[in-house]
PDB file of N, CA and C in Angstrom:
ATOM      1  N   UNK A   1      99.586  82.763 138.200  1.00  0.00           N
ATOM      2  CA  UNK A   1      98.237  83.220 138.446  1.00  0.00           C
ATOM      3  C   UNK A   1      97.261  82.095 138.116  1.00  0.00           C
ATOM      4  N   UNK A   2      96.189  82.066 138.842  1.00  0.00           N
ATOM      5  CA  UNK A   2      95.200  81.015 138.668  1.00  0.00           C
ATOM      6  C   UNK A   2      93.803  81.607 138.621  1.00  0.00           C
ATOM      7  N   UNK A   3      93.003  81.080 137.712  1.00  0.00           N
ATOM      8  CA  UNK A   3      91.585  81.416 137.666  1.00  0.00           C
ATOM      9  C   UNK A   3      90.837  80.234 138.273  1.00  0.00           C
ATOM     10  N   UNK A   4      90.074  80.497 139.310  1.00  0.00           N
ATOM     11  CA  UNK A   4      89.307  79.475 139.994  1.00  0.00           C
ATOM     12  C   UNK A   4      87.866  79.548 139.498  1.00  0.00           C
ATOM     13  N   UNK A   5      87.314  78.390 139.136  1.00  0.00           N
ATOM     14  CA  UNK A   5      85.931  78.328 138.656  1.00  0.00           C
ATOM     15  C   UNK A   5      85.038  77.869 139.799  1.00  0.00           C
ATOM     16  N   UNK A   6      84.120  78.730 140.195  1.00  0.00           N
ATOM     17  CA  UNK A   6      83.189  78.432 141.284  1.00  0.00           C
ATOM     18  C   UNK A   6      81.789  78.136 140.758  1.00  0.00           C
ATOM     19  N   UNK A   7      81.709  77.628 139.552  1.00  0.00           N
ATOM     20  CA  UNK A   7      80.413  77.360 138.925  1.00  0.00           C
ATOM     21  C   UNK A   7      79.614  76.330 139.714  1.00  0.00           C
ATOM     22  N   UNK A   8      80.272  75.304 140.211  1.00  0.00           N
ATOM     23  CA  UNK A   8      79.569  74.269 140.970  1.00  0.00           C
ATOM     24  C   UNK A   8      78.932  74.848 142.235  1.00  0.00           C
ATOM     25  N   UNK A   9      79.595  75.809 142.858  1.00  0.00           N
ATOM     26  CA  UNK A   9      79.059  76.451 144.055  1.00  0.00           C
ATOM     27  C   UNK A   9      77.786  77.233 143.701  1.00  0.00           C
ATOM     28  N   UNK A  10      77.854  78.011 142.621  1.00  0.00           N
ATOM     29  CA  UNK A  10      76.698  78.803 142.211  1.00  0.00           C
ATOM     30  C   UNK A  10      75.539  77.902 141.800  1.00  0.00           C
ATOM     31  N   UNK A  11      75.844  76.796 141.135  1.00  0.00           N
ATOM     32  CA  UNK A  11      74.796  75.856 140.748  1.00  0.00           C
ATOM     33  C   UNK A  11      74.132  75.243 141.985  1.00  0.00           C
ATOM     34  N   UNK A  12      74.920  74.941 142.996  1.00  0.00           N
ATOM     35  CA  UNK A  12      74.370  74.373 144.233  1.00  0.00           C
ATOM     36  C   UNK A  12      73.477  75.390 144.940  1.00  0.00           C
ATOM     37  N   UNK A  13      73.930  76.637 144.989  1.00  0.00           N
ATOM     38  CA  UNK A  13      73.134  77.695 145.623  1.00  0.00           C
ATOM     39  C   UNK A  13      71.788  77.855 144.917  1.00  0.00           C
ATOM     40  N   UNK A  14      71.803  77.781 143.588  1.00  0.00           N
ATOM     41  CA  UNK A  14      70.584  77.963 142.792  1.00  0.00           C
ATOM     42  C   UNK A  14      69.794  76.659 142.612  1.00  0.00           C
ATOM     43  N   UNK A  15      70.372  75.549 143.122  1.00  0.00           N
ATOM     44  CA  UNK A  15      69.741  74.227 142.995  1.00  0.00           C
ATOM     45  C   UNK A  15      69.463  73.863 141.537  1.00  0.00           C
ATOM     46  N   UNK A  16      70.503  74.008 140.720  1.00  0.00           N
ATOM     47  CA  UNK A  16      70.424  73.715 139.297  1.00  0.00           C
ATOM     48  C   UNK A  16      71.348  72.536 139.002  1.00  0.00           C
ATOM     49  N   UNK A  17      70.855  71.552 138.282  1.00  0.00           N
ATOM     50  CA  UNK A  17      71.668  70.385 137.925  1.00  0.00           C
ATOM     51  C   UNK A  17      72.518  70.686 136.694  1.00  0.00           C
ATOM     52  N   UNK A  18      73.554  69.890 136.518  1.00  0.00           N
ATOM     53  CA  UNK A  18      74.417  70.040 135.340  1.00  0.00           C
ATOM     54  C   UNK A  18      73.608  69.824 134.069  1.00  0.00           C
ATOM     55  N   UNK A  19      72.753  68.814 134.092  1.00  0.00           N
ATOM     56  CA  UNK A  19      71.934  68.514 132.912  1.00  0.00           C
ATOM     57  C   UNK A  19      71.044  69.697 132.554  1.00  0.00           C
ATOM     58  N   UNK A  20      70.413  70.285 133.554  1.00  0.00           N
ATOM     59  CA  UNK A  20      69.512  71.424 133.351  1.00  0.00           C
ATOM     60  C   UNK A  20      70.263  72.630 132.794  1.00  0.00           C
ATOM     61  N   UNK A  21      71.423  72.949 133.399  1.00  0.00           N
ATOM     62  CA  UNK A  21      72.192  74.111 132.953  1.00  0.00           C
ATOM     63  C   UNK A  21      72.751  73.900 131.558  1.00  0.00           C
ATOM     64  N   UNK A  22      73.288  72.720 131.292  1.00  0.00           N
ATOM     65  CA  UNK A  22      73.855  72.434 129.974  1.00  0.00           C
ATOM     66  C   UNK A  22      72.794  72.607 128.887  1.00  0.00           C
ATOM     67  N   UNK A  23      71.608  72.091 129.142  1.00  0.00           N
ATOM     68  CA  UNK A  23      70.517  72.199 128.170  1.00  0.00           C
ATOM     69  C   UNK A  23      70.118  73.663 127.967  1.00  0.00           C
ATOM     70  N   UNK A  24      69.998  74.418 129.052  1.00  0.00           N
ATOM     71  CA  UNK A  24      69.581  75.821 128.979  1.00  0.00           C
ATOM     72  C   UNK A  24      70.599  76.680 128.238  1.00  0.00           C
ATOM     73  N   UNK A  25      71.883  76.363 128.421  1.00  0.00           N
ATOM     74  CA  UNK A  25      72.955  77.173 127.839  1.00  0.00           C
ATOM     75  C   UNK A  25      73.309  76.717 126.429  1.00  0.00           C
ATOM     76  N   UNK A  26      73.000  75.464 126.114  1.00  0.00           N
ATOM     77  CA  UNK A  26      73.295  74.949 124.781  1.00  0.00           C
ATOM     78  C   UNK A  26      74.684  74.375 124.638  1.00  0.00           C
ATOM     79  N   UNK A  27      75.195  73.777 125.722  1.00  0.00           N
ATOM     80  CA  UNK A  27      76.485  73.078 125.655  1.00  0.00           C
ATOM     81  C   UNK A  27      76.273  71.653 126.176  1.00  0.00           C
ATOM     82  N   UNK A  28      77.233  70.792 125.908  1.00  0.00           N
ATOM     83  CA  UNK A  28      77.104  69.408 126.370  1.00  0.00           C
ATOM     84  C   UNK A  28      77.416  69.329 127.863  1.00  0.00           C
ATOM     85  N   UNK A  29      76.890  68.297 128.494  1.00  0.00           N
ATOM     86  CA  UNK A  29      77.201  68.082 129.909  1.00  0.00           C
ATOM     87  C   UNK A  29      78.695  67.835 130.094  1.00  0.00           C
ATOM     88  N   UNK A  30      79.323  67.185 129.119  1.00  0.00           N
ATOM     89  CA  UNK A  30      80.764  66.930 129.195  1.00  0.00           C
ATOM     90  C   UNK A  30      81.544  68.240 129.203  1.00  0.00           C
ATOM     91  N   UNK A  31      81.167  69.177 128.322  1.00  0.00           N
ATOM     92  CA  UNK A  31      81.857  70.476 128.287  1.00  0.00           C
ATOM     93  C   UNK A  31      81.585  71.281 129.548  1.00  0.00           C
ATOM     94  N   UNK A  32      80.368  71.192 130.070  1.00  0.00           N
ATOM     95  CA  UNK A  32      80.045  71.877 131.315  1.00  0.00           C
ATOM     96  C   UNK A  32      80.889  71.313 132.456  1.00  0.00           C
ATOM     97  N   UNK A  33      81.060  69.999 132.473  1.00  0.00           N
ATOM     98  CA  UNK A  33      81.877  69.354 133.499  1.00  0.00           C
ATOM     99  C   UNK A  33      83.325  69.838 133.432  1.00  0.00           C
ATOM    100  N   UNK A  34      83.860  69.941 132.228  1.00  0.00           N
ATOM    101  CA  UNK A  34      85.224  70.448 132.049  1.00  0.00           C
ATOM    102  C   UNK A  34      85.336  71.881 132.548  1.00  0.00           C
ATOM    103  N   UNK A  35      84.333  72.695 132.241  1.00  0.00           N
ATOM    104  CA  UNK A  35      84.326  74.084 132.690  1.00  0.00           C
ATOM    105  C   UNK A  35      84.271  74.154 134.215  1.00  0.00           C
ATOM    106  N   UNK A  36      83.403  73.359 134.826  1.00  0.00           N
ATOM    107  CA  UNK A  36      83.262  73.361 136.285  1.00  0.00           C
ATOM    108  C   UNK A  36      84.575  72.980 136.977  1.00  0.00           C
ATOM    109  N   UNK A  37      85.338  72.084 136.347  1.00  0.00           N
ATOM    110  CA  UNK A  37      86.608  71.644 136.934  1.00  0.00           C
ATOM    111  C   UNK A  37      87.788  72.528 136.540  1.00  0.00           C
ATOM    112  N   UNK A  38      87.538  73.564 135.741  1.00  0.00           N
ATOM    113  CA  UNK A  38      88.605  74.467 135.334  1.00  0.00           C
ATOM    114  C   UNK A  38      89.566  73.844 134.344  1.00  0.00           C
ATOM    115  N   UNK A  39      89.090  72.863 133.583  1.00  0.00           N
ATOM    116  CA  UNK A  39      89.945  72.140 132.644  1.00  0.00           C
ATOM    117  C   UNK A  39      89.823  72.666 131.218  1.00  0.00           C
ATOM    118  N   UNK A  40      89.396  73.911 131.070  1.00  0.00           N
ATOM    119  CA  UNK A  40      89.290  74.518 129.748  1.00  0.00           C
ATOM    120  C   UNK A  40      90.281  75.666 129.641  1.00  0.00           C
ATOM    121  N   UNK A  41      90.668  75.980 128.420  1.00  0.00           N
ATOM    122  CA  UNK A  41      91.609  77.082 128.208  1.00  0.00           C
ATOM    123  C   UNK A  41      90.885  78.413 128.084  1.00  0.00           C
ATOM    124  N   UNK A  42      89.580  78.367 127.845  1.00  0.00           N
ATOM    125  CA  UNK A  42      88.814  79.591 127.705  1.00  0.00           C
ATOM    126  C   UNK A  42      87.334  79.293 127.685  1.00  0.00           C
ATOM    127  N   UNK A  43      86.562  80.353 127.791  1.00  0.00           N
ATOM    128  CA  UNK A  43      85.106  80.237 127.706  1.00  0.00           C
ATOM    129  C   UNK A  43      84.594  81.413 126.880  1.00  0.00           C
ATOM    130  N   UNK A  44      83.682  81.141 125.981  1.00  0.00           N
ATOM    131  CA  UNK A  44      83.135  82.199 125.138  1.00  0.00           C
ATOM    132  C   UNK A  44      82.295  83.137 125.994  1.00  0.00           C
ATOM    133  N   UNK A  45      82.375  84.419 125.697  1.00  0.00           N
ATOM    134  CA  UNK A  45      81.564  85.398 126.419  1.00  0.00           C
ATOM    135  C   UNK A  45      80.074  85.079 126.275  1.00  0.00           C
ATOM    136  N   UNK A  46      79.683  84.598 125.119  1.00  0.00           N
ATOM    137  CA  UNK A  46      78.280  84.236 124.887  1.00  0.00           C
ATOM    138  C   UNK A  46      77.844  83.128 125.847  1.00  0.00           C
ATOM    139  N   UNK A  47      78.706  82.139 126.037  1.00  0.00           N
ATOM    140  CA  UNK A  47      78.413  81.035 126.958  1.00  0.00           C
ATOM    141  C   UNK A  47      78.377  81.543 128.393  1.00  0.00           C
ATOM    142  N   UNK A  48      79.351  82.351 128.759  1.00  0.00           N
ATOM    143  CA  UNK A  48      79.401  82.916 130.110  1.00  0.00           C
ATOM    144  C   UNK A  48      78.159  83.766 130.384  1.00  0.00           C
ATOM    145  N   UNK A  49      77.760  84.566 129.404  1.00  0.00           N
ATOM    146  CA  UNK A  49      76.570  85.407 129.555  1.00  0.00           C
ATOM    147  C   UNK A  49      75.320  84.551 129.727  1.00  0.00           C
ATOM    148  N   UNK A  50      75.217  83.471 128.975  1.00  0.00           N
ATOM    149  CA  UNK A  50      74.059  82.579 129.092  1.00  0.00           C
ATOM    150  C   UNK A  50      74.007  81.909 130.460  1.00  0.00           C
ATOM    151  N   UNK A  51      75.163  81.493 130.957  1.00  0.00           N
ATOM    152  CA  UNK A  51      75.237  80.883 132.293  1.00  0.00           C
ATOM    153  C   UNK A  51      74.806  81.897 133.348  1.00  0.00           C
ATOM    154  N   UNK A  52      75.335  83.100 133.253  1.00  0.00           N
ATOM    155  CA  UNK A  52      74.992  84.148 134.219  1.00  0.00           C
ATOM    156  C   UNK A  52      73.512  84.497 134.167  1.00  0.00           C
ATOM    157  N   UNK A  53      72.966  84.564 132.972  1.00  0.00           N
ATOM    158  CA  UNK A  53      71.540  84.871 132.838  1.00  0.00           C
ATOM    159  C   UNK A  53      70.703  83.778 133.494  1.00  0.00           C
ATOM    160  N   UNK A  54      71.033  82.516 133.208  1.00  0.00           N
ATOM    161  CA  UNK A  54      70.246  81.409 133.743  1.00  0.00           C
ATOM    162  C   UNK A  54      70.357  81.314 135.266  1.00  0.00           C
ATOM    163  N   UNK A  55      71.559  81.561 135.788  1.00  0.00           N
ATOM    164  CA  UNK A  55      71.775  81.457 137.237  1.00  0.00           C
ATOM    165  C   UNK A  55      71.519  82.779 137.964  1.00  0.00           C
ATOM    166  N   UNK A  56      71.172  83.814 137.233  1.00  0.00           N
ATOM    167  CA  UNK A  56      70.950  85.153 137.810  1.00  0.00           C
ATOM    168  C   UNK A  56      72.131  85.572 138.676  1.00  0.00           C
ATOM    169  N   UNK A  57      73.311  85.594 138.052  1.00  0.00           N
ATOM    170  CA  UNK A  57      74.524  85.957 138.775  1.00  0.00           C
ATOM    171  C   UNK A  57      75.436  86.785 137.877  1.00  0.00           C
ATOM    172  N   UNK A  58      76.558  87.187 138.418  1.00  0.00           N
ATOM    173  CA  UNK A  58      77.562  87.949 137.692  1.00  0.00           C
ATOM    174  C   UNK A  58      78.751  87.036 137.374  1.00  0.00           C
ATOM    175  N   UNK A  59      79.543  87.360 136.327  1.00  0.00           N
ATOM    176  CA  UNK A  59      80.720  86.551 136.016  1.00  0.00           C
ATOM    177  C   UNK A  59      81.652  86.378 137.217  1.00  0.00           C
ATOM    178  N   UNK A  60      81.755  87.402 138.056  1.00  0.00           N
ATOM    179  CA  UNK A  60      82.609  87.324 139.242  1.00  0.00           C
ATOM    180  C   UNK A  60      82.113  86.341 140.286  1.00  0.00           C
ATOM    181  N   UNK A  61      80.846  85.941 140.192  1.00  0.00           N
ATOM    182  CA  UNK A  61      80.322  84.915 141.090  1.00  0.00           C
ATOM    183  C   UNK A  61      80.805  83.533 140.672  1.00  0.00           C
ATOM    184  N   UNK A  62      81.208  83.414 139.408  1.00  0.00           N
ATOM    185  CA  UNK A  62      81.616  82.130 138.842  1.00  0.00           C
ATOM    186  C   UNK A  62      83.135  82.016 138.719  1.00  0.00           C
ATOM    187  N   UNK A  63      83.783  83.107 138.338  1.00  0.00           N
ATOM    188  CA  UNK A  63      85.228  83.111 138.110  1.00  0.00           C
ATOM    189  C   UNK A  63      85.933  83.967 139.145  1.00  0.00           C
ATOM    190  N   UNK A  64      87.051  83.463 139.637  1.00  0.00           N
ATOM    191  CA  UNK A  64      87.814  84.158 140.675  1.00  0.00           C
ATOM    192  C   UNK A  64      89.298  84.095 140.333  1.00  0.00           C
ATOM    193  N   UNK A  65      89.987  85.197 140.511  1.00  0.00           N
ATOM    194  CA  UNK A  65      91.442  85.240 140.295  1.00  0.00           C
ATOM    195  C   UNK A  65      92.160  85.098 141.628  1.00  0.00           C
ATOM    196  N   UNK A  66      93.137  84.192 141.644  1.00  0.00           N
ATOM    197  CA  UNK A  66      93.990  84.046 142.830  1.00  0.00           C
ATOM    198  C   UNK A  66      95.442  84.070 142.365  1.00  0.00           C
ATOM    199  N   UNK A  67      96.227  84.878 143.041  1.00  0.00           N
ATOM    200  CA  UNK A  67      97.649  84.956 142.733  1.00  0.00           C
ATOM    201  C   UNK A  67      98.330  83.651 143.168  1.00  0.00           C
ATOM    202  N   UNK A  68      99.187  83.138 142.313  1.00  0.00           N
ATOM    203  CA  UNK A  68      99.906  81.898 142.625  1.00  0.00           C
ATOM    204  C   UNK A  68     100.856  82.101 143.794  1.00  0.00           C
ATOM    205  N   UNK A  69     101.077  81.060 144.547  1.00  0.00           N
ATOM    206  CA  UNK A  69     102.018  81.086 145.671  1.00  0.00           C
ATOM    207  C   UNK A  69     103.386  80.584 145.253  1.00  0.00           C
ATOM    208  N   UNK A  70     103.950  81.191 144.224  1.00  0.00           N
ATOM    209  CA  UNK A  70     105.279  80.778 143.754  1.00  0.00           C
ATOM    210  C   UNK A  70     106.341  81.644 144.387  1.00  0.00           C
ATOM    211  N   UNK A  71     107.295  81.014 144.995  1.00  0.00           N
ATOM    212  CA  UNK A  71     108.398  81.741 145.643  1.00  0.00           C
ATOM    213  C   UNK A  71     109.608  81.685 144.735  1.00  0.00           C
ATOM    214  N   UNK A  72     109.962  82.826 144.152  1.00  0.00           N
ATOM    215  CA  UNK A  72     111.126  82.896 143.263  1.00  0.00           C
ATOM    216  C   UNK A  72     112.255  83.629 143.926  1.00  0.00           C
TER     217      UNK A  72
END
């Protein structure tokens, strides 16, 4: 199973820069970059809520579940 992070898409739709979002949410641009690329093991609900509030979106607009294509 895979969780796909569509944060970059939502940021583009809202015309928000990484620097702007990182500052508003209270995380570093480096951590935001890792989150956007799906290179994190988790995200705090508080951080997710802050991102959603700033971008006026729902968690499902940012995170997506896709079943893996593994053939066993």
